[in-house]
C-alpha cells in the first residue's frame, strides 16, 4: 500500500516501543532502538503483550514477551528484574493515536524455549503499592494531620508518587499521633472505606476517589463505531455516529453496562477522572432475559465510564486491540457495586503468581 494511503488512514501501520530501565546500572534498553541502523526492520523482532488496567483494583498486571532477544538484554534483565527494573510499553499507530499503555516494575522474569530455535523473555509486571514481599515498613504520623496528609505520607513511605486524590476526603484531623506499619494497603483501605471511596495505583501514582464524583465531571467521550462498509445496504451513517471506525465484532450488554473490542487505542486509559466512551446502543447485543427479573437499562446517550481496559498485541500477528469494560453513568446503579469480580477479567490477586503457567 502506498505511503499516501497510509497517511490518510490513522489505523494503518502499527507503531510500538518497549523500554527497560535497570535501577542498578541505570542502563536503558529500547526496542526497537531509534539509534540503530535505519535499514533495520523492527518487525523482525516479535513482541507480544497483555496489559490489564482495572479501576479501583489494588494491583494491575502486564505480561510482555520479547522473542529471540540477545544476551545483552536477557542477562541483565534476568539478574536485576526483581531489583527495581521498570518496563515501559507504548503502542498505537504510525499516523494515529500512539501513547504509553504500561509503565511499571518487573516483578518476575522468565527465560523459556518455545521450540528448537525460539527463546522467549517473559516479563511478568505488577503495578501496585510496594513493597510486595517485605511488609516490615512503618512510620509515625503526627497528631492533627488530615486524611489528605495521611494519604500523602503513606505514599511517600512507599515511594509512590501522588496521582489524583479526591478533594472530598474528610477534613477531620487525628486527635493523637498514629503509627503506620506493616501492610500499607490496610491503612489506605481504612481511609477509603470511611469516605465511601476506593484507591488504586496507576502509572501516574496513587489515586483515591469514587465513581460518583467522576461521573459528575462528565469528560468529553471518545466516540467509537464500526468500520463503514462501502456499498452496504441502508442509509450511510451520520457524521455524529462515525467516530473512530474501529469496533471489532459486536458490543455486548453486561450486568452494569457494555463490553466491546476496538483496534488498539491508547486513549482508552483507566484513570481519574474516569475516561468516558460512547457508542450507538443499536449496535449492542442485549443480555438474555431471565423470567421474573427486570433487565438493566443501557445509558440512553450511549455514554459509559471506562472501568476496565485490556490491551492485547502481537507485533507480528493479528492481535492488536483494546477490550473496553464500560459502566452506565447511573449513580444509583454504580453505588455499592464496585468490585474486582464484576469486571470480567478476574482478580489480579496478590502479586507473585507465576506467569509461566
Protein backbone atom coordinates (compact mmCIF):
# COMPACT_ATOMS: atom_id res chain seq x y z
CA UNK A 1 0.00 0.00 0.00
CA UNK A 2 1.33 3.43 -0.85
CA UNK A 3 2.56 5.87 1.79
CA UNK A 4 -0.11 8.34 0.64
CA UNK A 5 -2.87 5.92 1.59
CA UNK A 6 -1.26 5.17 4.96
CA UNK A 7 -1.17 8.88 5.82
CA UNK A 8 -4.91 9.18 5.16
CA UNK A 9 -5.79 6.19 7.35
CA UNK A 10 -4.93 6.70 11.04
CA UNK A 11 -5.43 2.96 11.68
CA UNK A 12 -2.78 1.87 9.18
CA UNK A 13 0.76 1.00 10.20
CA UNK A 14 1.39 -0.21 13.73
CA UNK A 15 3.83 1.56 15.99
CA UNK A 16 5.30 0.28 19.27
CA UNK A 17 8.23 0.59 21.62
CA UNK A 18 9.46 -1.25 24.73
CA UNK A 19 11.89 0.41 27.13
CA UNK A 20 13.58 -1.36 30.05
CA UNK A 21 15.43 0.63 32.69
CA UNK A 22 17.61 -1.22 35.20
CA UNK A 23 17.87 0.52 38.56
CA UNK A 24 21.31 -0.77 39.50
CA UNK A 25 23.24 0.39 36.43
CA UNK A 26 20.69 2.90 35.13
CA UNK A 27 21.01 1.25 31.71
CA UNK A 28 18.13 1.78 29.32
CA UNK A 29 17.27 -0.78 26.66
CA UNK A 30 14.98 0.43 23.88
CA UNK A 31 13.29 -1.95 21.44
CA UNK A 32 13.31 -1.08 18.61
CA UNK A 33 16.36 1.13 19.08
CA UNK A 34 15.81 4.56 17.43
CA UNK A 35 19.59 4.91 17.06
CA UNK A 36 20.01 1.61 15.25
CA UNK A 37 20.72 1.19 11.56
CA UNK A 38 17.84 2.95 9.69
CA UNK A 39 17.60 -0.06 7.37
CA UNK A 40 16.75 -2.28 10.35
CA UNK A 41 13.22 -3.61 10.20
CA UNK A 42 11.59 -3.53 13.68
CA UNK A 43 9.07 -6.11 12.53
CA UNK A 44 11.90 -8.66 12.53
CA UNK A 45 11.64 -8.73 16.33
CA UNK A 46 8.48 -10.15 17.81
CA UNK A 47 6.92 -8.73 20.98
CA UNK A 48 3.59 -9.79 22.47
CA UNK A 49 1.80 -8.16 25.38
CA UNK A 50 -1.31 -8.42 27.52
CA UNK A 51 -1.91 -5.35 29.71
CA UNK A 52 -4.81 -5.07 32.14
CA UNK A 53 -5.95 -1.82 33.73
CA UNK A 54 -8.79 -2.03 36.24
CA UNK A 55 -10.23 0.90 38.17
CA UNK A 56 -10.35 0.54 41.96
CA UNK A 57 -8.19 -2.60 41.92
CA UNK A 58 -5.05 -2.55 44.05
CA UNK A 59 -2.84 -4.36 41.55
CA UNK A 60 -2.56 -4.01 37.78
CA UNK A 61 -0.71 -6.60 35.71
CA UNK A 62 1.04 -6.88 32.37
CA UNK A 63 2.72 -9.76 30.60
CA UNK A 64 5.26 -8.70 27.99
CA UNK A 65 7.15 -11.30 25.97
CA UNK A 66 10.22 -10.46 23.90
CA UNK A 67 11.12 -13.13 21.40
CA UNK A 68 14.72 -14.03 20.49
CA UNK A 69 16.39 -11.15 22.33
CA UNK A 70 20.17 -11.23 22.52
CA UNK A 71 22.28 -11.84 25.62
CA UNK A 72 22.98 -8.13 26.18
CA UNK A 73 19.30 -7.75 27.12
CA UNK A 74 18.47 -11.17 28.57
CA UNK A 75 21.32 -11.45 31.10
CA UNK A 76 20.89 -8.09 32.91
CA UNK A 77 17.08 -8.33 32.92
CA UNK A 78 17.12 -11.81 34.47
CA UNK A 79 19.67 -10.66 37.01
CA UNK A 80 18.02 -7.40 38.07
CA UNK A 81 14.33 -7.92 37.26
CA UNK A 82 13.28 -8.02 40.92
CA UNK A 83 15.62 -5.18 41.93
CA UNK A 84 13.52 -2.29 40.65
CA UNK A 85 13.75 -2.71 36.87
CA UNK A 86 10.99 -0.73 35.13
CA UNK A 87 9.45 -1.54 31.75
CA UNK A 88 7.51 0.99 29.68
CA UNK A 89 5.36 -0.09 26.74
CA UNK A 90 3.92 2.30 24.16
CA UNK A 91 1.68 1.17 21.29
CA UNK A 92 -0.65 2.52 18.65
CA UNK A 93 -0.36 3.58 15.02
CA UNK A 94 2.20 5.48 12.96
CA UNK A 95 -0.23 8.16 11.83
CA UNK A 96 -2.88 7.75 14.51
CA UNK A 97 -3.13 7.52 18.27
CA UNK A 98 0.08 6.41 19.97
CA UNK A 99 0.90 6.56 23.66
CA UNK A 100 2.12 4.67 26.72
CA UNK A 101 -0.16 1.85 27.84
CA UNK A 102 2.06 0.47 30.62
CA UNK A 103 4.86 1.75 32.84
CA UNK A 104 5.76 -0.17 35.96
CA UNK A 105 8.22 -2.50 37.69
CA UNK A 106 9.07 -6.01 36.56
CA UNK A 107 8.01 -8.46 39.25
CA UNK A 108 9.44 -11.61 37.69
CA UNK A 109 11.38 -12.50 34.54
CA UNK A 110 11.49 -15.91 32.88
CA UNK A 111 13.54 -17.31 30.01
CA UNK A 112 11.69 -20.02 28.10
CA UNK A 113 12.39 -22.01 24.96
CA UNK A 114 9.34 -22.14 22.70
CA UNK A 115 10.85 -24.64 20.27
CA UNK A 116 14.27 -25.56 18.93
CA UNK A 117 15.09 -22.07 17.66
CA UNK A 118 12.94 -19.57 19.59
CA UNK A 119 13.60 -18.13 23.04
CA UNK A 120 11.05 -16.07 24.99
CA UNK A 121 11.98 -13.47 27.59
CA UNK A 122 8.73 -13.29 29.58
CA UNK A 123 8.28 -10.24 31.81
CA UNK A 124 5.59 -10.52 34.49
CA UNK A 125 4.90 -6.96 35.63
CA UNK A 126 2.88 -5.77 38.62
CA UNK A 127 1.88 -2.20 39.33
CA UNK A 128 0.78 -1.73 42.92
CA UNK A 129 1.77 -0.43 46.32
CA UNK A 130 5.28 -1.63 47.22
CA UNK A 131 6.86 -3.32 48.99
CA UNK A 132 5.30 -6.52 47.66
CA UNK A 133 7.31 -9.09 49.59
CA UNK A 134 8.65 -7.27 52.65
CA UNK A 135 5.84 -5.59 54.62
CA UNK A 136 8.15 -4.60 57.50
CA UNK A 137 7.82 -0.86 56.97
CA UNK A 138 6.47 1.81 59.27
CA UNK A 139 6.41 5.43 60.38
CA UNK A 140 4.73 7.67 62.94
CA UNK A 141 2.04 10.09 61.75
CA UNK A 142 1.93 13.25 63.92
CA UNK A 143 -1.29 14.38 65.59
CA UNK A 144 -3.69 16.83 63.91
CA UNK A 145 -2.98 15.51 60.41
CA UNK A 146 -5.86 15.45 57.92
CA UNK A 147 -6.69 12.33 55.93
CA UNK A 148 -5.33 14.03 52.83
CA UNK A 149 -1.99 14.50 54.59
CA UNK A 150 -2.01 10.93 55.92
CA UNK A 151 -2.51 9.55 52.40
CA UNK A 152 0.37 11.67 51.12
CA UNK A 153 2.66 10.42 53.91
CA UNK A 154 1.75 6.79 53.23
CA UNK A 155 2.54 7.32 49.54
CA UNK A 156 5.89 8.88 50.46
CA UNK A 157 6.63 5.94 52.76
CA UNK A 158 6.01 3.54 49.87
CA UNK A 159 7.99 5.76 47.42
CA UNK A 160 4.92 6.13 45.22
CA UNK A 161 4.01 9.48 43.62
CA UNK A 162 0.61 11.05 44.17
CA UNK A 163 -1.77 10.73 41.23
CA UNK A 164 -5.23 12.20 41.87
CA UNK A 165 -6.61 12.23 45.42
CA UNK A 166 -10.24 13.25 45.91
CA UNK A 167 -10.83 16.68 47.44
CA UNK A 168 -13.85 15.20 49.20
CA UNK A 169 -11.82 13.33 51.82
CA UNK A 170 -12.90 14.08 55.36
CA UNK A 171 -11.13 17.08 56.92
CA UNK A 172 -11.27 15.54 60.40
CA UNK A 173 -7.80 15.54 61.96
CA UNK A 174 -6.07 12.89 64.07
CA UNK A 175 -6.63 13.54 67.79
CA UNK A 176 -3.27 11.92 68.57
CA UNK A 177 -0.27 10.53 66.74
CA UNK A 178 -0.66 7.22 64.93
CA UNK A 179 1.82 4.56 63.86
CA UNK A 180 1.56 3.25 60.30
CA UNK A 181 3.29 -0.08 59.83
CA UNK A 182 3.14 -3.43 58.08
CA UNK A 183 0.71 -3.75 55.19
CA UNK A 184 0.20 -0.22 53.85
CA UNK A 185 -2.78 -1.40 51.80
CA UNK A 186 -4.74 -1.88 55.01
CA UNK A 187 -4.26 1.73 56.13
CA UNK A 188 -5.38 3.08 52.75
CA UNK A 189 -8.36 0.70 52.82
CA UNK A 190 -9.46 2.14 56.18
CA UNK A 191 -9.30 5.72 54.90
CA UNK A 192 -11.07 4.89 51.64
CA UNK A 193 -13.86 2.91 53.29
CA UNK A 194 -14.54 5.63 55.86
CA UNK A 195 -15.13 8.05 52.95
CA UNK A 196 -17.06 5.56 50.74
CA UNK A 197 -14.21 5.63 48.22
CA UNK A 198 -11.66 3.30 46.65
CA UNK A 199 -7.97 3.63 45.87
CA UNK A 200 -5.62 2.20 43.27
CA UNK A 201 -2.18 2.68 41.75
CA UNK A 202 -1.72 3.58 38.09
CA UNK A 203 1.37 4.62 36.17
CA UNK A 204 0.97 8.19 37.46
CA UNK A 205 0.81 7.22 41.13
CA UNK A 206 -1.69 6.75 43.96
CA UNK A 207 -5.35 7.60 43.28
CA UNK A 208 -8.30 7.73 45.67
CA UNK A 209 -11.90 8.67 44.93
CA UNK A 210 -15.35 7.39 43.99
CA UNK A 211 -17.21 6.57 40.80
CA UNK A 212 -19.93 9.05 41.64
CA UNK A 213 -17.68 12.11 41.72
CA UNK A 214 -16.01 11.09 38.46
CA UNK A 215 -19.36 10.65 36.69
CA UNK A 216 -20.40 14.14 37.74
CA UNK A 217 -17.39 15.62 35.93
CA UNK A 218 -18.63 14.27 32.56
CA UNK A 219 -15.42 14.46 30.48
CA UNK A 220 -15.67 14.51 26.69
CA UNK A 221 -16.46 10.99 25.46
CA UNK A 222 -14.41 9.07 22.89
CA UNK A 223 -16.88 8.01 20.19
CA UNK A 224 -16.49 4.53 18.66
CA UNK A 225 -18.25 2.99 15.69
CA UNK A 226 -17.73 0.01 13.36
CA UNK A 227 -15.92 0.49 10.04
CA UNK A 228 -18.03 1.84 7.20
CA UNK A 229 -18.71 -0.81 4.55
CA UNK A 230 -18.80 0.76 1.11
CA UNK A 231 -21.82 -0.25 -0.93
CA UNK A 232 -23.66 -1.71 2.07
CA UNK A 233 -27.44 -1.65 2.06
CA UNK A 234 -29.26 1.04 4.00
CA UNK A 235 -28.55 4.71 4.59
CA UNK A 236 -24.98 5.77 5.33
CA UNK A 237 -24.16 6.52 8.97
CA UNK A 238 -24.44 10.11 10.10
CA UNK A 239 -21.33 12.14 10.83
CA UNK A 240 -22.25 12.12 14.52
CA UNK A 241 -22.20 8.30 14.63
CA UNK A 242 -18.95 7.83 12.72
CA UNK A 243 -16.42 8.48 15.49
CA UNK A 244 -13.40 6.19 15.48
CA UNK A 245 -14.31 3.48 12.99
CA UNK A 246 -12.55 0.71 14.85
CA UNK A 247 -15.08 -1.50 16.66
CA UNK A 248 -14.26 -5.19 16.19
CA UNK A 249 -17.13 -7.64 16.41
CA UNK A 250 -20.36 -6.91 18.25
CA UNK A 251 -20.59 -4.99 21.55
CA UNK A 252 -22.47 -6.91 24.26
CA UNK A 253 -24.51 -5.75 27.21
CA UNK A 254 -23.16 -6.65 30.65
CA UNK A 255 -24.62 -6.52 34.14
CA UNK A 256 -23.61 -2.88 34.62
CA UNK A 257 -23.11 -1.55 31.11
CA UNK A 258 -21.39 -2.72 27.97
CA UNK A 259 -18.26 -4.56 26.83
CA UNK A 260 -16.71 -4.22 23.37
CA UNK A 261 -13.44 -4.55 21.48
CA UNK A 262 -11.74 -1.95 19.28
CA UNK A 263 -8.50 -1.71 17.34
CA UNK A 264 -5.77 -0.81 19.84
CA UNK A 265 -6.45 2.69 21.13
CA UNK A 266 -4.13 4.12 23.81
CA UNK A 267 -6.59 6.96 24.51
CA UNK A 268 -8.72 4.48 26.44
CA UNK A 269 -6.96 4.60 29.79
CA UNK A 270 -8.27 3.75 33.25
CA UNK A 271 -7.53 6.93 35.16
CA UNK A 272 -9.07 9.52 37.43
CA UNK A 273 -11.36 11.11 36.43
CA UNK A 274 -12.61 8.04 34.60
CA UNK A 275 -12.46 8.06 30.79
CA UNK A 276 -15.81 8.28 29.00
CA UNK A 277 -16.63 6.34 25.80
CA UNK A 278 -19.70 6.49 23.58
CA UNK A 279 -21.21 4.00 21.13
CA UNK A 280 -24.52 3.63 19.35
CA UNK A 281 -26.73 1.44 21.55
CA UNK A 282 -28.36 -0.08 18.47
CA UNK A 283 -25.08 -1.96 17.86
CA UNK A 284 -25.24 -3.77 21.21
CA UNK A 285 -26.38 -7.36 21.68
CA UNK A 286 -28.65 -7.40 24.72
CA UNK A 287 -28.26 -9.81 27.61
CA UNK A 288 -30.51 -12.85 27.64
CA UNK A 289 -33.61 -12.07 29.66
CA UNK A 290 -34.35 -14.07 32.80
CA UNK A 291 -38.00 -14.69 33.66
CA UNK A 292 -39.06 -12.71 36.71
CA UNK A 293 -36.15 -10.24 36.57
CA UNK A 294 -36.21 -6.74 35.12
CA UNK A 295 -33.37 -6.19 32.64
CA UNK A 296 -30.94 -3.38 33.38
CA UNK A 297 -31.23 -0.43 31.04
CA UNK A 298 -28.41 0.92 28.92
CA UNK A 299 -27.44 4.57 29.06
CA UNK A 300 -29.79 6.44 26.72
CA UNK A 301 -26.96 8.59 25.35
CA UNK A 302 -24.71 5.58 24.77
CA UNK A 303 -22.04 7.01 27.09
CA UNK A 304 -20.20 4.79 29.58
CA UNK A 305 -17.36 5.26 32.05
CA UNK A 306 -14.30 3.05 31.43
CA UNK A 307 -13.86 0.76 34.43
CA UNK A 308 -11.58 -1.74 32.71
CA UNK A 309 -9.25 -1.71 29.71
CA UNK A 310 -7.24 -4.63 28.39
CA UNK A 311 -4.57 -4.13 25.70
CA UNK A 312 -3.51 -7.18 23.68
CA UNK A 313 -0.92 -7.07 20.93
CA UNK A 314 1.38 -9.15 18.77
CA UNK A 315 3.84 -7.16 16.67
CA UNK A 316 3.97 -9.95 14.09
CA UNK A 317 0.47 -11.33 14.45
CA UNK A 318 -3.16 -10.31 14.12
CA UNK A 319 -3.78 -9.35 17.76
CA UNK A 320 -3.78 -5.56 18.14
CA UNK A 321 -6.84 -4.47 20.08
CA UNK A 322 -8.29 -2.95 23.24
CA UNK A 323 -11.10 -4.56 25.23
CA UNK A 324 -13.25 -1.96 26.99
CA UNK A 325 -15.45 -2.55 30.02
CA UNK A 326 -17.85 0.38 30.32
CA UNK A 327 -20.36 1.03 33.08
CA UNK A 328 -23.50 3.09 32.87
CA UNK A 329 -23.30 6.57 34.37
CA UNK A 330 -26.33 5.96 36.61
CA UNK A 331 -25.14 6.84 40.11
CA UNK A 332 -27.86 4.70 41.72
CA UNK A 333 -26.65 1.68 39.76
CA UNK A 334 -22.95 2.28 40.39
CA UNK A 335 -23.42 2.87 44.10
CA UNK A 336 -22.07 -0.10 46.00
CA UNK A 337 -21.25 -2.35 43.04
CA UNK A 338 -17.57 -1.51 42.56
CA UNK A 339 -15.75 -4.81 42.87
CA UNK A 340 -12.99 -6.65 41.03
CA UNK A 341 -15.13 -9.69 40.23
CA UNK A 342 -17.70 -7.72 38.25
CA UNK A 343 -15.20 -6.63 35.60
CA UNK A 344 -14.86 -9.97 33.89
CA UNK A 345 -11.04 -10.03 33.94
CA UNK A 346 -10.81 -11.86 37.26
CA UNK A 347 -8.96 -10.52 40.25
CA UNK A 348 -5.27 -9.87 39.83
CA UNK A 349 -4.87 -11.14 43.37
CA UNK A 350 -1.65 -10.82 45.27
CA UNK A 351 1.43 -10.34 43.07
CA UNK A 352 3.71 -13.29 42.88
CA UNK A 353 1.58 -15.61 40.78
CA UNK A 354 3.85 -17.15 38.22
CA UNK A 355 3.25 -16.03 34.65
CA UNK A 356 4.84 -19.20 33.36
CA UNK A 357 1.67 -21.19 33.80
